[in-house]
Amino acid sequence: MKFSTYVDDMVVSSKMDFKSLIPDFLKIITDDGFIISHRKTNYKTKNPEVTGVVVKNNNLALSNKTKTKLKDETLSEASKKGHLLYVEKIKMISGQKIKSLLKPSFHER
């Protein structure tokens, strides 16, 4: 079983089913003074999404929401650059090529 955090996101992952342990996790977290956002709390057994990345077959892939953001032509240049850097980081970590979703002219900027 693994526990990881990213800013204010907490993720518990395991090859075994741990759904019965969720009440214990929630108690530990709240006893330590953290507030649970039940709106953002979920339990997934297949292809979980964390911070815009889908964990799939021990690899990382862009979520549909992230792909949609990359196509958004109303984003500022700074936001576009940030999203591209994020995609490059995902590519680097996953070791996979993620198909380009942007117009070639965007890459030239």
C-alpha atoms as a PDB file:
ATOM      1  CA  MET A   1       0.000   0.000   0.000  1.00  0.00           C
ATOM      2  CA  LYS A   2       1.315   3.447  -0.919  1.00  0.00           C
ATOM      3  CA  PHE A   3       0.348   6.898   0.288  1.00  0.00           C
ATOM      4  CA  SER A   4       1.332   9.973  -1.694  1.00  0.00           C
ATOM      5  CA  THR A   5       0.497  13.651  -1.643  1.00  0.00           C
ATOM      6  CA  TYR A   6       0.600  16.486  -4.135  1.00  0.00           C
ATOM      7  CA  VAL A   7      -0.055  19.917  -2.638  1.00  0.00           C
ATOM      8  CA  ASP A   8      -3.455  19.296  -1.003  1.00  0.00           C
ATOM      9  CA  ASP A   9      -4.298  16.002  -2.734  1.00  0.00           C
ATOM     10  CA  MET A  10      -3.801  12.725  -0.885  1.00  0.00           C
ATOM     11  CA  VAL A  11      -3.741   9.402  -2.697  1.00  0.00           C
ATOM     12  CA  VAL A  12      -3.709   5.876  -1.310  1.00  0.00           C
ATOM     13  CA  SER A  13      -2.959   3.137  -3.810  1.00  0.00           C
ATOM     14  CA  SER A  14      -2.551  -0.596  -3.570  1.00  0.00           C
ATOM     15  CA  LYS A  15      -2.798  -3.785  -5.571  1.00  0.00           C
ATOM     16  CA  MET A  16      -5.209  -5.103  -2.924  1.00  0.00           C
ATOM     17  CA  ASP A  17      -8.733  -3.876  -2.255  1.00  0.00           C
ATOM     18  CA  PHE A  18      -8.641  -1.526   0.749  1.00  0.00           C
ATOM     19  CA  LYS A  19     -12.166  -0.108   0.631  1.00  0.00           C
ATOM     20  CA  SER A  20     -12.912  -1.510   4.099  1.00  0.00           C
ATOM     21  CA  LEU A  21     -10.008   0.574   5.481  1.00  0.00           C
ATOM     22  CA  ILE A  22     -11.314   3.922   4.178  1.00  0.00           C
ATOM     23  CA  PRO A  23     -13.123   4.825   7.436  1.00  0.00           C
ATOM     24  CA  ASP A  24      -9.817   4.262   9.288  1.00  0.00           C
ATOM     25  CA  PHE A  25      -7.936   6.477   6.793  1.00  0.00           C
ATOM     26  CA  LEU A  26     -10.521   9.240   7.116  1.00  0.00           C
ATOM     27  CA  LYS A  27     -10.360   9.095  10.921  1.00  0.00           C
ATOM     28  CA  ILE A  28      -6.553   9.327  10.928  1.00  0.00           C
ATOM     29  CA  ILE A  29      -6.648  12.267   8.517  1.00  0.00           C
ATOM     30  CA  THR A  30      -9.307  14.203  10.449  1.00  0.00           C
ATOM     31  CA  ASP A  31      -7.721  13.376  13.828  1.00  0.00           C
ATOM     32  CA  ASP A  32      -4.564  15.064  12.503  1.00  0.00           C
ATOM     33  CA  GLY A  33      -6.556  18.248  11.863  1.00  0.00           C
ATOM     34  CA  PHE A  34      -7.146  17.946   8.130  1.00  0.00           C
ATOM     35  CA  ILE A  35     -10.535  18.721   6.614  1.00  0.00           C
ATOM     36  CA  ILE A  36     -11.886  16.227   4.092  1.00  0.00           C
ATOM     37  CA  SER A  37     -13.501  17.576   0.936  1.00  0.00           C
ATOM     38  CA  HIS A  38     -16.076  14.834   0.422  1.00  0.00           C
ATOM     39  CA  ARG A  39     -16.945  16.386  -2.928  1.00  0.00           C
ATOM     40  CA  LYS A  40     -13.422  15.504  -4.120  1.00  0.00           C
ATOM     41  CA  THR A  41     -13.125  12.172  -2.286  1.00  0.00           C
ATOM     42  CA  ASN A  42     -13.469   9.060  -4.387  1.00  0.00           C
ATOM     43  CA  TYR A  43     -12.539   5.398  -4.519  1.00  0.00           C
ATOM     44  CA  LYS A  44     -11.575   3.985  -7.894  1.00  0.00           C
ATOM     45  CA  THR A  45     -10.525   0.491  -8.819  1.00  0.00           C
ATOM     46  CA  LYS A  46      -9.681   1.205 -12.450  1.00  0.00           C
ATOM     47  CA  ASN A  47      -7.740   4.055 -14.094  1.00  0.00           C
ATOM     48  CA  PRO A  48      -7.762   6.565 -11.226  1.00  0.00           C
ATOM     49  CA  GLU A  49      -7.231  10.230 -12.070  1.00  0.00           C
ATOM     50  CA  VAL A  50      -4.975  12.383  -9.926  1.00  0.00           C
ATOM     51  CA  THR A  51      -4.124  16.031 -10.720  1.00  0.00           C
ATOM     52  CA  GLY A  52      -5.176  15.720 -14.367  1.00  0.00           C
ATOM     53  CA  VAL A  53      -3.280  12.491 -14.970  1.00  0.00           C
ATOM     54  CA  VAL A  54      -4.803   9.033 -15.392  1.00  0.00           C
ATOM     55  CA  VAL A  55      -2.870   6.113 -13.924  1.00  0.00           C
ATOM     56  CA  LYS A  56      -3.404   3.310 -16.408  1.00  0.00           C
ATOM     57  CA  ASN A  57      -1.528   0.001 -16.611  1.00  0.00           C
ATOM     58  CA  ASN A  58       1.305   1.421 -14.460  1.00  0.00           C
ATOM     59  CA  ASN A  59       1.742   4.333 -16.871  1.00  0.00           C
ATOM     60  CA  LEU A  60       0.537   7.907 -16.951  1.00  0.00           C
ATOM     61  CA  ALA A  61      -1.822   9.402 -19.507  1.00  0.00           C
ATOM     62  CA  LEU A  62      -3.511  12.760 -19.881  1.00  0.00           C
ATOM     63  CA  SER A  63      -7.067  12.974 -18.594  1.00  0.00           C
ATOM     64  CA  ASN A  64      -9.801  14.090 -20.987  1.00  0.00           C
ATOM     65  CA  LYS A  65     -10.155  17.285 -18.942  1.00  0.00           C
ATOM     66  CA  THR A  66      -6.454  18.067 -19.418  1.00  0.00           C
ATOM     67  CA  LYS A  67      -6.696  17.321 -23.155  1.00  0.00           C
ATOM     68  CA  THR A  68      -9.636  19.721 -23.424  1.00  0.00           C
ATOM     69  CA  LYS A  69      -7.657  22.454 -21.641  1.00  0.00           C
ATOM     70  CA  LEU A  70      -4.807  22.016 -24.131  1.00  0.00           C
ATOM     71  CA  LYS A  71      -7.200  22.698 -27.003  1.00  0.00           C
ATOM     72  CA  ASP A  72      -8.687  25.818 -25.357  1.00  0.00           C
ATOM     73  CA  GLU A  73      -7.747  28.737 -27.592  1.00  0.00           C
ATOM     74  CA  THR A  74      -8.849  31.270 -24.976  1.00  0.00           C
ATOM     75  CA  LEU A  75      -5.980  30.395 -22.609  1.00  0.00           C
ATOM     76  CA  SER A  76      -3.327  33.021 -22.017  1.00  0.00           C
ATOM     77  CA  GLU A  77       0.178  32.412 -23.352  1.00  0.00           C
ATOM     78  CA  ALA A  78       1.428  31.845 -19.788  1.00  0.00           C
ATOM     79  CA  SER A  79      -1.296  29.258 -19.138  1.00  0.00           C
ATOM     80  CA  LYS A  80      -0.568  27.493 -22.445  1.00  0.00           C
ATOM     81  CA  LYS A  81       3.115  27.360 -21.570  1.00  0.00           C
ATOM     82  CA  GLY A  82       2.303  25.951 -18.115  1.00  0.00           C
ATOM     83  CA  HIS A  83       0.089  23.254 -19.597  1.00  0.00           C
ATOM     84  CA  LEU A  84       2.763  22.290 -22.134  1.00  0.00           C
ATOM     85  CA  LEU A  85       5.380  22.026 -19.393  1.00  0.00           C
ATOM     86  CA  TYR A  86       2.979  19.812 -17.450  1.00  0.00           C
ATOM     87  CA  VAL A  87       2.493  17.551 -20.484  1.00  0.00           C
ATOM     88  CA  GLU A  88       6.264  17.334 -21.004  1.00  0.00           C
ATOM     89  CA  LYS A  89       6.719  16.326 -17.365  1.00  0.00           C
ATOM     90  CA  ILE A  90       4.085  13.601 -17.754  1.00  0.00           C
ATOM     91  CA  LYS A  91       5.850  12.352 -20.904  1.00  0.00           C
ATOM     92  CA  MET A  92       9.176  12.291 -19.107  1.00  0.00           C
ATOM     93  CA  ILE A  93       7.818  10.433 -16.088  1.00  0.00           C
ATOM     94  CA  SER A  94       5.774   7.918 -18.050  1.00  0.00           C
ATOM     95  CA  GLY A  95       8.402   7.264 -20.687  1.00  0.00           C
ATOM     96  CA  GLN A  96       5.643   7.259 -23.273  1.00  0.00           C
ATOM     97  CA  LYS A  97       4.911   9.569 -26.148  1.00  0.00           C
ATOM     98  CA  ILE A  98       1.664  11.435 -25.705  1.00  0.00           C
ATOM     99  CA  LYS A  99       0.120  12.335 -29.027  1.00  0.00           C
ATOM    100  CA  SER A 100       0.298  16.052 -29.694  1.00  0.00           C
ATOM    101  CA  LEU A 101      -3.057  17.709 -29.222  1.00  0.00           C
ATOM    102  CA  LEU A 102      -2.028  21.178 -30.265  1.00  0.00           C
ATOM    103  CA  LYS A 103      -1.791  22.908 -33.595  1.00  0.00           C
ATOM    104  CA  PRO A 104       1.759  22.924 -35.035  1.00  0.00           C
ATOM    105  CA  SER A 105       1.745  26.733 -35.027  1.00  0.00           C
ATOM    106  CA  PHE A 106       1.412  26.723 -31.249  1.00  0.00           C
ATOM    107  CA  HIS A 107       4.672  24.765 -30.886  1.00  0.00           C
ATOM    108  CA  GLU A 108       6.483  27.343 -32.989  1.00  0.00           C
ATOM    109  CA  ARG A 109       5.662  30.227 -30.649  1.00  0.00           C
END
